[in-house]
Amino acid sequence: MTGRSQVLAITLAVLTTLAALAPIELQRRMIDDALPAGDVPLLMLLGGIYLFSILALQALKFALGMVAGWLS
């Protein structure tokens, strides 16, 4: 395959790795910031962002799997 395809695979792998950190940080913020303060709107906001980050992470994993399969 071309070098562009390999660069795409590497880029997706790096993005997937970085995106995997977001849900962990959001969980920490939910537990440390929103729950002790009883801030329901903040908890709902963080929950929504958490849901979006999980969906984005799964989409990146899917795309990475597709590109890896295409390269092999």
C-alpha atoms as a PDB file:
ATOM      1  CA  MET A   1       0.000   0.000   0.000  1.00  0.00           C
ATOM      2  CA  THR A   2       0.986   3.613  -0.329  1.00  0.00           C
ATOM      3  CA  GLY A   3       2.725   5.694   2.254  1.00  0.00           C
ATOM      4  CA  ARG A   4      -0.415   7.808   2.658  1.00  0.00           C
ATOM      5  CA  SER A   5      -2.361   4.750   3.758  1.00  0.00           C
ATOM      6  CA  GLN A   6       0.255   3.913   6.336  1.00  0.00           C
ATOM      7  CA  VAL A   7       0.317   7.502   7.587  1.00  0.00           C
ATOM      8  CA  LEU A   8      -3.476   7.326   7.907  1.00  0.00           C
ATOM      9  CA  ALA A   9      -3.190   4.143   9.980  1.00  0.00           C
ATOM     10  CA  ILE A  10      -0.540   5.694  12.228  1.00  0.00           C
ATOM     11  CA  THR A  11      -2.597   8.854  12.667  1.00  0.00           C
ATOM     12  CA  LEU A  12      -5.693   6.861  13.587  1.00  0.00           C
ATOM     13  CA  ALA A  13      -3.682   4.797  16.063  1.00  0.00           C
ATOM     14  CA  VAL A  14      -2.331   7.916  17.778  1.00  0.00           C
ATOM     15  CA  LEU A  15      -5.764   9.574  17.853  1.00  0.00           C
ATOM     16  CA  THR A  16      -7.327   6.426  19.283  1.00  0.00           C
ATOM     17  CA  THR A  17      -4.707   6.255  22.006  1.00  0.00           C
ATOM     18  CA  LEU A  18      -5.197   9.907  22.939  1.00  0.00           C
ATOM     19  CA  ALA A  19      -8.996   9.623  22.799  1.00  0.00           C
ATOM     20  CA  ALA A  20      -8.868   6.722  25.248  1.00  0.00           C
ATOM     21  CA  LEU A  21      -7.689   9.142  27.943  1.00  0.00           C
ATOM     22  CA  ALA A  22     -10.768  11.384  27.754  1.00  0.00           C
ATOM     23  CA  PRO A  23     -13.305   9.001  29.364  1.00  0.00           C
ATOM     24  CA  ILE A  24     -10.969   8.369  32.285  1.00  0.00           C
ATOM     25  CA  GLU A  25     -10.552  12.093  32.928  1.00  0.00           C
ATOM     26  CA  LEU A  26     -14.305  12.662  32.626  1.00  0.00           C
ATOM     27  CA  GLN A  27     -15.011   9.915  35.158  1.00  0.00           C
ATOM     28  CA  ARG A  28     -12.555  11.540  37.553  1.00  0.00           C
ATOM     29  CA  ARG A  29     -14.214  14.932  37.139  1.00  0.00           C
ATOM     30  CA  MET A  30     -17.672  13.431  37.692  1.00  0.00           C
ATOM     31  CA  ILE A  31     -16.599  11.796  40.924  1.00  0.00           C
ATOM     32  CA  ASP A  32     -14.329  14.543  42.253  1.00  0.00           C
ATOM     33  CA  ASP A  33     -16.182  17.672  41.153  1.00  0.00           C
ATOM     34  CA  ALA A  34     -19.858  17.069  40.429  1.00  0.00           C
ATOM     35  CA  LEU A  35     -20.901  14.430  42.967  1.00  0.00           C
ATOM     36  CA  PRO A  36     -19.500  15.970  46.176  1.00  0.00           C
ATOM     37  CA  ALA A  37     -20.951  19.383  45.282  1.00  0.00           C
ATOM     38  CA  GLY A  38     -24.318  17.891  44.321  1.00  0.00           C
ATOM     39  CA  ASP A  39     -24.152  19.840  41.059  1.00  0.00           C
ATOM     40  CA  VAL A  40     -26.692  17.978  38.907  1.00  0.00           C
ATOM     41  CA  PRO A  41     -26.362  20.219  35.808  1.00  0.00           C
ATOM     42  CA  LEU A  42     -22.572  19.739  35.820  1.00  0.00           C
ATOM     43  CA  LEU A  43     -23.029  16.005  36.263  1.00  0.00           C
ATOM     44  CA  MET A  44     -25.454  15.886  33.331  1.00  0.00           C
ATOM     45  CA  LEU A  45     -23.062  17.936  31.178  1.00  0.00           C
ATOM     46  CA  LEU A  46     -20.114  15.700  32.026  1.00  0.00           C
ATOM     47  CA  GLY A  47     -22.268  12.627  31.417  1.00  0.00           C
ATOM     48  CA  GLY A  48     -23.205  13.905  27.966  1.00  0.00           C
ATOM     49  CA  ILE A  49     -19.595  14.650  27.113  1.00  0.00           C
ATOM     50  CA  TYR A  50     -18.649  11.211  28.445  1.00  0.00           C
ATOM     51  CA  LEU A  51     -21.220   9.560  26.161  1.00  0.00           C
ATOM     52  CA  PHE A  52     -19.931  11.526  23.153  1.00  0.00           C
ATOM     53  CA  SER A  53     -16.315  10.633  23.987  1.00  0.00           C
ATOM     54  CA  ILE A  54     -17.142   6.921  24.228  1.00  0.00           C
ATOM     55  CA  LEU A  55     -18.960   7.010  20.886  1.00  0.00           C
ATOM     56  CA  ALA A  56     -16.086   8.925  19.268  1.00  0.00           C
ATOM     57  CA  LEU A  57     -13.561   6.461  20.692  1.00  0.00           C
ATOM     58  CA  GLN A  58     -15.501   3.508  19.319  1.00  0.00           C
ATOM     59  CA  ALA A  59     -15.770   5.203  15.912  1.00  0.00           C
ATOM     60  CA  LEU A  60     -11.993   5.730  15.897  1.00  0.00           C
ATOM     61  CA  LYS A  61     -11.412   2.097  16.850  1.00  0.00           C
ATOM     62  CA  PHE A  62     -13.726   0.982  14.061  1.00  0.00           C
ATOM     63  CA  ALA A  63     -11.960   3.202  11.523  1.00  0.00           C
ATOM     64  CA  LEU A  64      -8.568   1.958  12.686  1.00  0.00           C
ATOM     65  CA  GLY A  65      -9.714  -1.654  12.307  1.00  0.00           C
ATOM     66  CA  MET A  66     -11.030  -0.939   8.822  1.00  0.00           C
ATOM     67  CA  VAL A  67      -7.792   0.719   7.737  1.00  0.00           C
ATOM     68  CA  ALA A  68      -5.682  -2.061   9.278  1.00  0.00           C
ATOM     69  CA  GLY A  69      -7.769  -4.668   7.487  1.00  0.00           C
ATOM     70  CA  TRP A  70      -7.513  -2.745   4.255  1.00  0.00           C
ATOM     71  CA  LEU A  71      -3.724  -2.492   4.597  1.00  0.00           C
ATOM     72  CA  SER A  72      -3.328  -6.188   5.244  1.00  0.00           C
END
